[in-house]
Amino acid sequence: MINLEWYRIFMYTAQHKNLTKAAQQLHITQPSVSYAIKQIEEALDVQLFHRLSKGVVLTEEGQALLKYVEQSFDMLDSGQKHLQNLKQLNVGEIRIGASDSLIKHLLLPQLNTFHSEFPSIRIRLSRGKTPEITKRVKEGEIDFALVHMPINDPDLNIQTLVELEDIFVVGEAYKQWSTRLITIQELAEIPLILLSPGSSTRIFIDQWFAAKGISVTPDIELGSIELLSEFARLGFGATFISRSFVQDELQKGTLFELEIDSSLPSRSIGFAVREHTKLSIAAETFMQHLQLGNTSDN
C-alpha cells in the first residue's frame, strides 16, 4: 500500500521540478522527498523522474501518473471543503415526515425560523399518518418524523417533544352541553366528528370509547384537524382535538369545551428516528432547534 503523503510529495516535486523546492513547500527535508519518490517507484516498478543536474523532469510514466494524482487531490480537497460546508450548515438537507396538523401547529413555526437562519439547507417535507411516516423512517426515506405517542417499535428511537391536552369541543349549536359535566354516554349521543380511520388519533379515541364499554360510529370522518374544528364550529357535532390546536377558537367563543366525567389518558408528540442511526449535521441541528423551540413555548 502506497502512503498517500508520498503521492503528495510526488505531485509537488513534479510541479516544482526540484526536490529541494518541493521539500521547502511541504516543510520537510530533501532526503524525505527523495525517500518518498524512491518508495513509489519501487512499489510501482517504474521510473517517475529523470534526474538532471538542476532538478528533475517527469518520465512518460510519471506524466501519466501525475494527471491522476492531481485529480485525486483536487477531489479530496473538494470533499474536505464540502464537509466544512456541511459542518457550517452552508449546504445539506433535512427530510422530515409529519401529519398535516403537526406540520402546521408544531413544525412550521420552527421550520420558518430555522430556514431564516440557515437558508441554504434544503428542507424536504412529506406528510402522512403516523403509521405511514414511521415506516418511511425505518426504510431510510426520511431522517425523522413527528409522531403521536405512544409507539412501541424496537426499530425506532422515540423521544418526547411536547405533551398534549386532548379535549372534546362543540360549536354554538351544542353550547348547552358545555355548561355542565356530562357523562361519556351523553357524549356518545352527540353527533361525533372524528379523523378518518387509520390515524393514531382515531385509534386512540376508538380505544378509549371501547375501554369504557361504548361503541360509537362517527357521523362525519375527516382528514384534517382544520376540518374537524370547522365542522364543529358550524354545528355538526362534537369533535376530539388537542387544546393547543383550537386555543384561539376557545378564546374567541366560537368553540366550547365539553367537561366529561371520564378523564382522557394523556398523550404526547415525539420525534422518531431509526434506531442506531447517526443523523446528518443539518438534521441533528434542526432536531435540537425543535426541542428548544417547543420547550420555550411551554
C-alpha atoms as a PDB file:
ATOM      1  CA  MET A   1       0.000   0.000   0.000  1.00  0.00           C
ATOM      2  CA  ILE A   2       1.473   3.345  -1.058  1.00  0.00           C
ATOM      3  CA  ASN A   3       1.337   6.120   1.522  1.00  0.00           C
ATOM      4  CA  LEU A   4      -0.983   8.922   0.428  1.00  0.00           C
ATOM      5  CA  GLU A   5       1.528  11.507   1.589  1.00  0.00           C
ATOM      6  CA  TRP A   6       4.111  10.032  -0.788  1.00  0.00           C
ATOM      7  CA  TYR A   7       1.778  10.852  -3.668  1.00  0.00           C
ATOM      8  CA  ARG A   8       1.558  14.437  -2.394  1.00  0.00           C
ATOM      9  CA  ILE A   9       5.359  14.641  -2.334  1.00  0.00           C
ATOM     10  CA  PHE A  10       5.489  13.227  -5.873  1.00  0.00           C
ATOM     11  CA  MET A  11       2.965  15.853  -7.060  1.00  0.00           C
ATOM     12  CA  TYR A  12       4.858  18.780  -5.502  1.00  0.00           C
ATOM     13  CA  THR A  13       8.142  17.514  -6.935  1.00  0.00           C
ATOM     14  CA  ALA A  14       6.622  17.220 -10.396  1.00  0.00           C
ATOM     15  CA  GLN A  15       5.106  20.703 -10.185  1.00  0.00           C
ATOM     16  CA  HIS A  16       8.309  22.372  -8.934  1.00  0.00           C
ATOM     17  CA  LYS A  17      10.703  20.140 -10.916  1.00  0.00           C
ATOM     18  CA  ASN A  18      13.057  20.268  -7.981  1.00  0.00           C
ATOM     19  CA  LEU A  19      13.360  18.115  -4.863  1.00  0.00           C
ATOM     20  CA  THR A  20      14.631  20.931  -2.663  1.00  0.00           C
ATOM     21  CA  LYS A  21      11.814  23.327  -3.653  1.00  0.00           C
ATOM     22  CA  ALA A  22       9.239  20.599  -3.099  1.00  0.00           C
ATOM     23  CA  ALA A  23      10.709  19.956   0.364  1.00  0.00           C
ATOM     24  CA  GLN A  24      10.515  23.658   1.205  1.00  0.00           C
ATOM     25  CA  GLN A  25       6.868  23.867   0.138  1.00  0.00           C
ATOM     26  CA  LEU A  26       5.981  20.785   2.177  1.00  0.00           C
ATOM     27  CA  HIS A  27       8.114  21.818   5.181  1.00  0.00           C
ATOM     28  CA  ILE A  28      10.072  18.571   5.171  1.00  0.00           C
ATOM     29  CA  THR A  29      13.678  17.664   4.409  1.00  0.00           C
ATOM     30  CA  GLN A  30      15.056  16.991   0.942  1.00  0.00           C
ATOM     31  CA  PRO A  31      16.060  13.418   1.894  1.00  0.00           C
ATOM     32  CA  SER A  32      12.432  12.792   2.895  1.00  0.00           C
ATOM     33  CA  VAL A  33      11.352  13.801  -0.607  1.00  0.00           C
ATOM     34  CA  SER A  34      13.916  11.524  -2.191  1.00  0.00           C
ATOM     35  CA  TYR A  35      12.840   8.627   0.040  1.00  0.00           C
ATOM     36  CA  ALA A  36       9.149   9.037  -0.792  1.00  0.00           C
ATOM     37  CA  ILE A  37       9.755   9.097  -4.550  1.00  0.00           C
ATOM     38  CA  LYS A  38      12.004   6.065  -4.317  1.00  0.00           C
ATOM     39  CA  GLN A  39       9.328   4.160  -2.383  1.00  0.00           C
ATOM     40  CA  ILE A  40       6.677   4.938  -5.020  1.00  0.00           C
ATOM     41  CA  GLU A  41       8.971   3.962  -7.885  1.00  0.00           C
ATOM     42  CA  GLU A  42       9.823   0.655  -6.198  1.00  0.00           C
ATOM     43  CA  ALA A  43       6.185  -0.068  -5.383  1.00  0.00           C
ATOM     44  CA  LEU A  44       5.031   0.677  -8.944  1.00  0.00           C
ATOM     45  CA  ASP A  45       8.196  -0.727 -10.567  1.00  0.00           C
ATOM     46  CA  VAL A  46       8.617   2.327 -12.827  1.00  0.00           C
ATOM     47  CA  GLN A  47      10.897   5.358 -13.024  1.00  0.00           C
ATOM     48  CA  LEU A  48       8.930   8.558 -12.453  1.00  0.00           C
ATOM     49  CA  PHE A  49      11.641  11.210 -12.899  1.00  0.00           C
ATOM     50  CA  HIS A  50      14.712  11.864 -14.973  1.00  0.00           C
ATOM     51  CA  ARG A  51      17.340  13.210 -12.589  1.00  0.00           C
ATOM     52  CA  LEU A  52      19.090  16.269 -14.032  1.00  0.00           C
ATOM     53  CA  SER A  53      21.889  18.462 -12.688  1.00  0.00           C
ATOM     54  CA  LYS A  54      19.485  21.299 -11.785  1.00  0.00           C
ATOM     55  CA  GLY A  55      16.367  19.356 -10.991  1.00  0.00           C
ATOM     56  CA  VAL A  56      14.095  16.630 -12.281  1.00  0.00           C
ATOM     57  CA  VAL A  57      11.597  16.130 -15.101  1.00  0.00           C
ATOM     58  CA  LEU A  58       8.847  13.572 -15.383  1.00  0.00           C
ATOM     59  CA  THR A  59       9.234  10.434 -17.418  1.00  0.00           C
ATOM     60  CA  GLU A  60       6.359   9.387 -19.665  1.00  0.00           C
ATOM     61  CA  GLU A  61       5.143   7.116 -16.873  1.00  0.00           C
ATOM     62  CA  GLY A  62       5.478   9.949 -14.399  1.00  0.00           C
ATOM     63  CA  GLN A  63       3.405  12.275 -16.601  1.00  0.00           C
ATOM     64  CA  ALA A  64       0.660   9.652 -16.845  1.00  0.00           C
ATOM     65  CA  LEU A  65       0.588   9.180 -13.067  1.00  0.00           C
ATOM     66  CA  LEU A  66       0.618  12.915 -12.312  1.00  0.00           C
ATOM     67  CA  LYS A  67      -2.730  13.511 -14.059  1.00  0.00           C
ATOM     68  CA  TYR A  68      -4.466  11.028 -11.783  1.00  0.00           C
ATOM     69  CA  VAL A  69      -2.690  12.196  -8.653  1.00  0.00           C
ATOM     70  CA  GLU A  70      -3.635  15.837  -9.274  1.00  0.00           C
ATOM     71  CA  GLN A  71      -7.267  14.874  -9.956  1.00  0.00           C
ATOM     72  CA  SER A  72      -7.326  12.769  -6.800  1.00  0.00           C
ATOM     73  CA  PHE A  73      -6.026  15.554  -4.583  1.00  0.00           C
ATOM     74  CA  ASP A  74      -8.416  18.017  -6.216  1.00  0.00           C
ATOM     75  CA  MET A  75     -11.284  15.669  -5.355  1.00  0.00           C
ATOM     76  CA  LEU A  76     -10.029  15.231  -1.791  1.00  0.00           C
ATOM     77  CA  ASP A  77      -9.766  18.989  -1.420  1.00  0.00           C
ATOM     78  CA  SER A  78     -13.300  19.430  -2.767  1.00  0.00           C
ATOM     79  CA  GLY A  79     -14.513  16.734  -0.392  1.00  0.00           C
ATOM     80  CA  GLN A  80     -12.938  18.458   2.600  1.00  0.00           C
ATOM     81  CA  LYS A  81     -14.447  21.797   1.581  1.00  0.00           C
ATOM     82  CA  HIS A  82     -17.847  20.158   1.201  1.00  0.00           C
ATOM     83  CA  LEU A  83     -17.554  18.632   4.665  1.00  0.00           C
ATOM     84  CA  GLN A  84     -16.710  22.041   6.088  1.00  0.00           C
ATOM     85  CA  ASN A  85     -19.778  23.490   4.394  1.00  0.00           C
ATOM     86  CA  LEU A  86     -21.886  20.690   5.863  1.00  0.00           C
ATOM     87  CA  LYS A  87     -20.479  21.397   9.335  1.00  0.00           C
ATOM     88  CA  GLN A  88     -21.151  25.122   8.926  1.00  0.00           C
ATOM     89  CA  LEU A  89     -24.679  24.407   7.564  1.00  0.00           C
ATOM     90  CA  ASN A  90     -23.899  26.120   4.278  1.00  0.00           C
ATOM     91  CA  VAL A  91     -25.161  23.037   2.427  1.00  0.00           C
ATOM     92  CA  GLY A  92     -27.216  19.986   3.329  1.00  0.00           C
ATOM     93  CA  GLU A  93     -30.794  18.817   3.574  1.00  0.00           C
ATOM     94  CA  ILE A  94     -33.363  17.700   6.125  1.00  0.00           C
ATOM     95  CA  ARG A  95     -36.006  15.061   5.372  1.00  0.00           C
ATOM     96  CA  ILE A  96     -38.947  15.233   7.774  1.00  0.00           C
ATOM     97  CA  GLY A  97     -42.306  13.492   7.977  1.00  0.00           C
ATOM     98  CA  ALA A  98     -45.400  14.525   9.924  1.00  0.00           C
ATOM     99  CA  SER A  99     -49.176  14.710   9.741  1.00  0.00           C
ATOM    100  CA  ASP A 100     -50.828  17.842   8.356  1.00  0.00           C
ATOM    101  CA  SER A 101     -51.855  19.054  11.810  1.00  0.00           C
ATOM    102  CA  LEU A 102     -48.375  18.590  13.299  1.00  0.00           C
ATOM    103  CA  ILE A 103     -46.805  20.278  10.291  1.00  0.00           C
ATOM    104  CA  LYS A 104     -48.992  23.325  10.764  1.00  0.00           C
ATOM    105  CA  HIS A 105     -49.048  23.638  14.547  1.00  0.00           C
ATOM    106  CA  LEU A 106     -45.661  22.319  15.661  1.00  0.00           C
ATOM    107  CA  LEU A 107     -43.314  22.008  12.725  1.00  0.00           C
ATOM    108  CA  LEU A 108     -43.935  25.049  10.545  1.00  0.00           C
ATOM    109  CA  PRO A 109     -43.121  27.747  13.138  1.00  0.00           C
ATOM    110  CA  GLN A 110     -39.777  26.085  13.924  1.00  0.00           C
ATOM    111  CA  LEU A 111     -39.022  25.376  10.268  1.00  0.00           C
ATOM    112  CA  ASN A 112     -39.615  29.027   9.477  1.00  0.00           C
ATOM    113  CA  THR A 113     -37.062  30.292  11.998  1.00  0.00           C
ATOM    114  CA  PHE A 114     -34.570  27.563  11.072  1.00  0.00           C
ATOM    115  CA  HIS A 115     -34.910  28.349   7.367  1.00  0.00           C
ATOM    116  CA  SER A 116     -34.328  32.040   8.074  1.00  0.00           C
ATOM    117  CA  GLU A 117     -31.115  31.218   9.942  1.00  0.00           C
ATOM    118  CA  PHE A 118     -29.854  28.557   7.511  1.00  0.00           C
ATOM    119  CA  PRO A 119     -31.396  29.365   4.103  1.00  0.00           C
ATOM    120  CA  SER A 120     -29.009  27.062   2.218  1.00  0.00           C
ATOM    121  CA  ILE A 121     -30.314  23.925   3.941  1.00  0.00           C
ATOM    122  CA  ARG A 122     -32.814  22.182   1.688  1.00  0.00           C
ATOM    123  CA  ILE A 123     -35.952  21.069   3.520  1.00  0.00           C
ATOM    124  CA  ARG A 124     -37.819  18.027   2.223  1.00  0.00           C
ATOM    125  CA  LEU A 125     -41.156  17.609   3.953  1.00  0.00           C
ATOM    126  CA  SER A 126     -43.522  14.683   3.495  1.00  0.00           C
ATOM    127  CA  ARG A 127     -46.953  14.293   5.030  1.00  0.00           C
ATOM    128  CA  GLY A 128     -48.775  11.231   6.250  1.00  0.00           C
ATOM    129  CA  LYS A 129     -50.385   9.467   9.168  1.00  0.00           C
ATOM    130  CA  THR A 130     -48.147   8.256  11.977  1.00  0.00           C
ATOM    131  CA  PRO A 131     -48.031   4.599  10.783  1.00  0.00           C
ATOM    132  CA  GLU A 132     -47.068   5.738   7.285  1.00  0.00           C
ATOM    133  CA  ILE A 133     -44.283   8.116   8.262  1.00  0.00           C
ATOM    134  CA  THR A 134     -42.749   5.784  10.846  1.00  0.00           C
ATOM    135  CA  LYS A 135     -42.482   3.223   8.042  1.00  0.00           C
ATOM    136  CA  ARG A 136     -40.615   5.800   5.936  1.00  0.00           C
ATOM    137  CA  VAL A 137     -38.229   6.467   8.813  1.00  0.00           C
ATOM    138  CA  LYS A 138     -37.420   2.764   9.169  1.00  0.00           C
ATOM    139  CA  GLU A 139     -36.869   2.431   5.423  1.00  0.00           C
ATOM    140  CA  GLY A 140     -34.497   5.423   5.409  1.00  0.00           C
ATOM    141  CA  GLU A 141     -36.681   7.577   3.178  1.00  0.00           C
ATOM    142  CA  ILE A 142     -36.772  10.383   5.767  1.00  0.00           C
ATOM    143  CA  ASP A 143     -34.436  11.373   8.605  1.00  0.00           C
ATOM    144  CA  PHE A 144     -37.024  11.626  11.348  1.00  0.00           C
ATOM    145  CA  ALA A 145     -40.728  12.101  11.936  1.00  0.00           C
ATOM    146  CA  LEU A 146     -43.058  13.856  14.332  1.00  0.00           C
ATOM    147  CA  VAL A 147     -45.438  11.240  15.689  1.00  0.00           C
ATOM    148  CA  HIS A 148     -48.300  10.790  18.089  1.00  0.00           C
ATOM    149  CA  MET A 149     -47.239   8.645  21.021  1.00  0.00           C
ATOM    150  CA  PRO A 150     -47.204   6.052  22.431  1.00  0.00           C
ATOM    151  CA  ILE A 151     -45.430   3.928  19.838  1.00  0.00           C
ATOM    152  CA  ASN A 152     -43.700   0.673  20.703  1.00  0.00           C
ATOM    153  CA  ASP A 153     -41.294  -0.225  17.924  1.00  0.00           C
ATOM    154  CA  PRO A 154     -37.823  -1.672  18.604  1.00  0.00           C
ATOM    155  CA  ASP A 155     -36.557  -0.290  15.282  1.00  0.00           C
ATOM    156  CA  LEU A 156     -37.271   3.307  16.325  1.00  0.00           C
ATOM    157  CA  ASN A 157     -35.747   5.642  18.875  1.00  0.00           C
ATOM    158  CA  ILE A 158     -38.578   7.919  20.026  1.00  0.00           C
ATOM    159  CA  GLN A 159     -38.212  10.878  22.370  1.00  0.00           C
ATOM    160  CA  THR A 160     -40.992  13.032  23.773  1.00  0.00           C
ATOM    161  CA  LEU A 161     -41.209  16.520  22.325  1.00  0.00           C
ATOM    162  CA  VAL A 162     -44.370  18.019  23.819  1.00  0.00           C
ATOM    163  CA  GLU A 163     -47.306  16.885  25.961  1.00  0.00           C
ATOM    164  CA  LEU A 164     -50.821  17.155  24.545  1.00  0.00           C
ATOM    165  CA  GLU A 165     -54.054  18.042  26.307  1.00  0.00           C
ATOM    166  CA  ASP A 166     -56.925  16.458  24.388  1.00  0.00           C
ATOM    167  CA  ILE A 167     -60.496  17.757  24.707  1.00  0.00           C
ATOM    168  CA  PHE A 168     -63.922  17.483  23.090  1.00  0.00           C
ATOM    169  CA  VAL A 169     -65.334  20.716  21.665  1.00  0.00           C
ATOM    170  CA  VAL A 170     -68.614  21.839  20.109  1.00  0.00           C
ATOM    171  CA  GLY A 171     -69.907  24.924  18.349  1.00  0.00           C
ATOM    172  CA  GLU A 172     -72.742  27.294  19.243  1.00  0.00           C
ATOM    173  CA  ALA A 173     -75.409  24.748  18.234  1.00  0.00           C
ATOM    174  CA  TYR A 174     -74.363  22.403  21.053  1.00  0.00           C
ATOM    175  CA  LYS A 175     -73.197  25.054  23.511  1.00  0.00           C
ATOM    176  CA  GLN A 176     -75.692  23.902  26.148  1.00  0.00           C
ATOM    177  CA  TRP A 177     -73.708  20.667  26.560  1.00  0.00           C
ATOM    178  CA  SER A 178     -70.693  22.699  27.683  1.00  0.00           C
ATOM    179  CA  THR A 179     -72.474  24.287  30.635  1.00  0.00           C
ATOM    180  CA  ARG A 180     -72.382  21.190  32.847  1.00  0.00           C
ATOM    181  CA  LEU A 181     -70.482  17.969  33.477  1.00  0.00           C
ATOM    182  CA  ILE A 182     -71.643  15.267  31.073  1.00  0.00           C
ATOM    183  CA  THR A 183     -71.207  11.511  31.095  1.00  0.00           C
ATOM    184  CA  ILE A 184     -69.436   9.554  28.400  1.00  0.00           C
ATOM    185  CA  GLN A 185     -72.825   8.043  27.473  1.00  0.00           C
ATOM    186  CA  GLU A 186     -74.196  11.540  26.878  1.00  0.00           C
ATOM    187  CA  LEU A 187     -71.127  12.399  24.828  1.00  0.00           C
ATOM    188  CA  ALA A 188     -71.779   9.381  22.617  1.00  0.00           C
ATOM    189  CA  GLU A 189     -75.281  10.696  21.910  1.00  0.00           C
ATOM    190  CA  ILE A 190     -73.912  13.872  20.313  1.00  0.00           C
ATOM    191  CA  PRO A 191     -73.019  13.516  16.609  1.00  0.00           C
ATOM    192  CA  LEU A 192     -69.292  12.851  16.537  1.00  0.00           C
ATOM    193  CA  ILE A 193     -66.802  14.334  14.075  1.00  0.00           C
ATOM    194  CA  LEU A 194     -63.601  12.311  14.061  1.00  0.00           C
ATOM    195  CA  LEU A 195     -60.498  11.826  11.973  1.00  0.00           C
ATOM    196  CA  SER A 196     -60.668   9.087   9.361  1.00  0.00           C
ATOM    197  CA  PRO A 197     -59.734   5.520  10.368  1.00  0.00           C
ATOM    198  CA  GLY A 198     -56.056   4.599  10.447  1.00  0.00           C
ATOM    199  CA  SER A 199     -54.705   7.722  12.103  1.00  0.00           C
ATOM    200  CA  SER A 200     -53.123   7.340  15.533  1.00  0.00           C
ATOM    201  CA  THR A 201     -55.593   9.888  16.963  1.00  0.00           C
ATOM    202  CA  ARG A 202     -58.582   7.908  15.645  1.00  0.00           C
ATOM    203  CA  ILE A 203     -57.157   4.655  17.000  1.00  0.00           C
ATOM    204  CA  PHE A 204     -56.604   6.338  20.379  1.00  0.00           C
ATOM    205  CA  ILE A 205     -60.161   7.671  20.734  1.00  0.00           C
ATOM    206  CA  ASP A 206     -61.755   4.436  19.448  1.00  0.00           C
ATOM    207  CA  GLN A 207     -59.810   2.508  22.078  1.00  0.00           C
ATOM    208  CA  TRP A 208     -60.857   4.990  24.778  1.00  0.00           C
ATOM    209  CA  PHE A 209     -64.552   4.548  23.986  1.00  0.00           C
ATOM    210  CA  ALA A 210     -64.133   0.754  23.753  1.00  0.00           C
ATOM    211  CA  ALA A 211     -62.403   0.654  27.140  1.00  0.00           C
ATOM    212  CA  LYS A 212     -65.483   2.367  28.588  1.00  0.00           C
ATOM    213  CA  GLY A 213     -67.720  -0.272  27.018  1.00  0.00           C
ATOM    214  CA  ILE A 214     -69.191   2.113  24.463  1.00  0.00           C
ATOM    215  CA  SER A 215     -69.320   1.532  20.733  1.00  0.00           C
ATOM    216  CA  VAL A 216     -69.533   4.696  18.652  1.00  0.00           C
ATOM    217  CA  THR A 217     -69.902   5.387  14.959  1.00  0.00           C
ATOM    218  CA  PRO A 218     -68.939   8.912  13.959  1.00  0.00           C
ATOM    219  CA  ASP A 219     -71.384  10.855  11.830  1.00  0.00           C
ATOM    220  CA  ILE A 220     -68.553  12.587   9.976  1.00  0.00           C
ATOM    221  CA  GLU A 221     -64.997  11.379   9.238  1.00  0.00           C
ATOM    222  CA  LEU A 222     -62.470  13.916   8.030  1.00  0.00           C
ATOM    223  CA  GLY A 223     -58.801  14.036   7.094  1.00  0.00           C
ATOM    224  CA  SER A 224     -57.525  17.161   8.824  1.00  0.00           C
ATOM    225  CA  ILE A 225     -57.594  18.928  12.168  1.00  0.00           C
ATOM    226  CA  GLU A 226     -58.700  22.152  10.498  1.00  0.00           C
ATOM    227  CA  LEU A 227     -61.800  20.473   9.057  1.00  0.00           C
ATOM    228  CA  LEU A 228     -62.620  18.908  12.438  1.00  0.00           C
ATOM    229  CA  SER A 229     -62.694  22.278  14.179  1.00  0.00           C
ATOM    230  CA  GLU A 230     -64.531  23.933  11.282  1.00  0.00           C
ATOM    231  CA  PHE A 231     -67.309  21.338  11.198  1.00  0.00           C
ATOM    232  CA  ALA A 232     -67.650  21.533  14.973  1.00  0.00           C
ATOM    233  CA  ARG A 233     -67.825  25.334  14.807  1.00  0.00           C
ATOM    234  CA  LEU A 234     -70.563  25.142  12.177  1.00  0.00           C
ATOM    235  CA  GLY A 235     -72.688  22.982  14.459  1.00  0.00           C
ATOM    236  CA  PHE A 236     -72.325  19.481  13.034  1.00  0.00           C
ATOM    237  CA  GLY A 237     -71.464  17.931  16.405  1.00  0.00           C
ATOM    238  CA  ALA A 238     -68.589  17.332  18.825  1.00  0.00           C
ATOM    239  CA  THR A 239     -65.006  16.675  17.837  1.00  0.00           C
ATOM    240  CA  PHE A 240     -61.942  15.326  19.616  1.00  0.00           C
ATOM    241  CA  ILE A 241     -58.936  17.618  19.291  1.00  0.00           C
ATOM    242  CA  SER A 242     -55.863  18.895  21.120  1.00  0.00           C
ATOM    243  CA  ARG A 243     -56.455  22.079  23.076  1.00  0.00           C
ATOM    244  CA  SER A 244     -53.414  23.865  21.623  1.00  0.00           C
ATOM    245  CA  PHE A 245     -54.840  23.413  18.101  1.00  0.00           C
ATOM    246  CA  VAL A 246     -58.070  25.308  18.912  1.00  0.00           C
ATOM    247  CA  GLN A 247     -56.863  27.720  21.587  1.00  0.00           C
ATOM    248  CA  ASP A 248     -57.803  30.790  19.538  1.00  0.00           C
ATOM    249  CA  GLU A 249     -61.329  29.497  18.844  1.00  0.00           C
ATOM    250  CA  LEU A 250     -61.885  28.724  22.525  1.00  0.00           C
ATOM    251  CA  GLN A 251     -60.791  32.228  23.497  1.00  0.00           C
ATOM    252  CA  LYS A 252     -62.978  33.827  20.827  1.00  0.00           C
ATOM    253  CA  GLY A 253     -66.008  31.813  21.914  1.00  0.00           C
ATOM    254  CA  THR A 254     -66.578  30.080  18.579  1.00  0.00           C
ATOM    255  CA  LEU A 255     -65.842  26.688  20.117  1.00  0.00           C
ATOM    256  CA  PHE A 256     -66.740  25.395  23.585  1.00  0.00           C
ATOM    257  CA  GLU A 257     -65.073  22.692  25.646  1.00  0.00           C
ATOM    258  CA  LEU A 258     -67.111  19.797  26.974  1.00  0.00           C
ATOM    259  CA  GLU A 259     -66.472  18.660  30.544  1.00  0.00           C
ATOM    260  CA  ILE A 260     -66.693  14.869  30.743  1.00  0.00           C
ATOM    261  CA  ASP A 261     -66.854  12.745  33.861  1.00  0.00           C
ATOM    262  CA  SER A 262     -64.333  10.252  32.395  1.00  0.00           C
ATOM    263  CA  SER A 263     -60.794  11.569  32.083  1.00  0.00           C
ATOM    264  CA  LEU A 264     -58.823  11.096  28.902  1.00  0.00           C
ATOM    265  CA  PRO A 265     -55.378   9.438  29.089  1.00  0.00           C
ATOM    266  CA  SER A 266     -52.518  11.820  28.451  1.00  0.00           C
ATOM    267  CA  ARG A 267     -50.822  11.784  25.063  1.00  0.00           C
ATOM    268  CA  SER A 268     -47.672  13.343  23.701  1.00  0.00           C
ATOM    269  CA  ILE A 269     -45.903  14.186  20.476  1.00  0.00           C
ATOM    270  CA  GLY A 270     -42.457  12.780  19.916  1.00  0.00           C
ATOM    271  CA  PHE A 271     -39.832  12.633  17.219  1.00  0.00           C
ATOM    272  CA  ALA A 272     -38.824   9.251  15.866  1.00  0.00           C
ATOM    273  CA  VAL A 273     -35.505   8.314  14.291  1.00  0.00           C
ATOM    274  CA  ARG A 274     -34.299   4.937  13.141  1.00  0.00           C
ATOM    275  CA  GLU A 275     -32.534   3.040  15.936  1.00  0.00           C
ATOM    276  CA  HIS A 276     -28.711   3.145  15.808  1.00  0.00           C
ATOM    277  CA  THR A 277     -28.748   5.803  13.071  1.00  0.00           C
ATOM    278  CA  LYS A 278     -26.495   8.864  13.052  1.00  0.00           C
ATOM    279  CA  LEU A 279     -28.368  11.891  11.754  1.00  0.00           C
ATOM    280  CA  SER A 280     -26.749  14.373   9.406  1.00  0.00           C
ATOM    281  CA  ILE A 281     -25.387  17.567  10.943  1.00  0.00           C
ATOM    282  CA  ALA A 282     -28.280  19.554   9.452  1.00  0.00           C
ATOM    283  CA  ALA A 283     -30.930  17.125  10.745  1.00  0.00           C
ATOM    284  CA  GLU A 284     -29.323  16.948  14.187  1.00  0.00           C
ATOM    285  CA  THR A 285     -29.160  20.745  14.399  1.00  0.00           C
ATOM    286  CA  PHE A 286     -32.807  21.125  13.432  1.00  0.00           C
ATOM    287  CA  MET A 287     -33.912  18.467  15.904  1.00  0.00           C
ATOM    288  CA  GLN A 288     -32.151  20.391  18.696  1.00  0.00           C
ATOM    289  CA  HIS A 289     -33.766  23.585  17.400  1.00  0.00           C
ATOM    290  CA  LEU A 290     -37.162  21.876  17.507  1.00  0.00           C
ATOM    291  CA  GLN A 291     -36.643  20.695  21.079  1.00  0.00           C
ATOM    292  CA  LEU A 292     -35.548  24.114  22.300  1.00  0.00           C
ATOM    293  CA  GLY A 293     -38.376  25.863  20.458  1.00  0.00           C
ATOM    294  CA  ASN A 294     -41.076  23.686  21.963  1.00  0.00           C
ATOM    295  CA  THR A 295     -39.510  23.823  25.413  1.00  0.00           C
ATOM    296  CA  SER A 296     -39.600  27.625  25.338  1.00  0.00           C
ATOM    297  CA  ASP A 297     -43.200  27.572  24.052  1.00  0.00           C
ATOM    298  CA  ASN A 298     -44.188  25.532  27.068  1.00  0.00           C
END
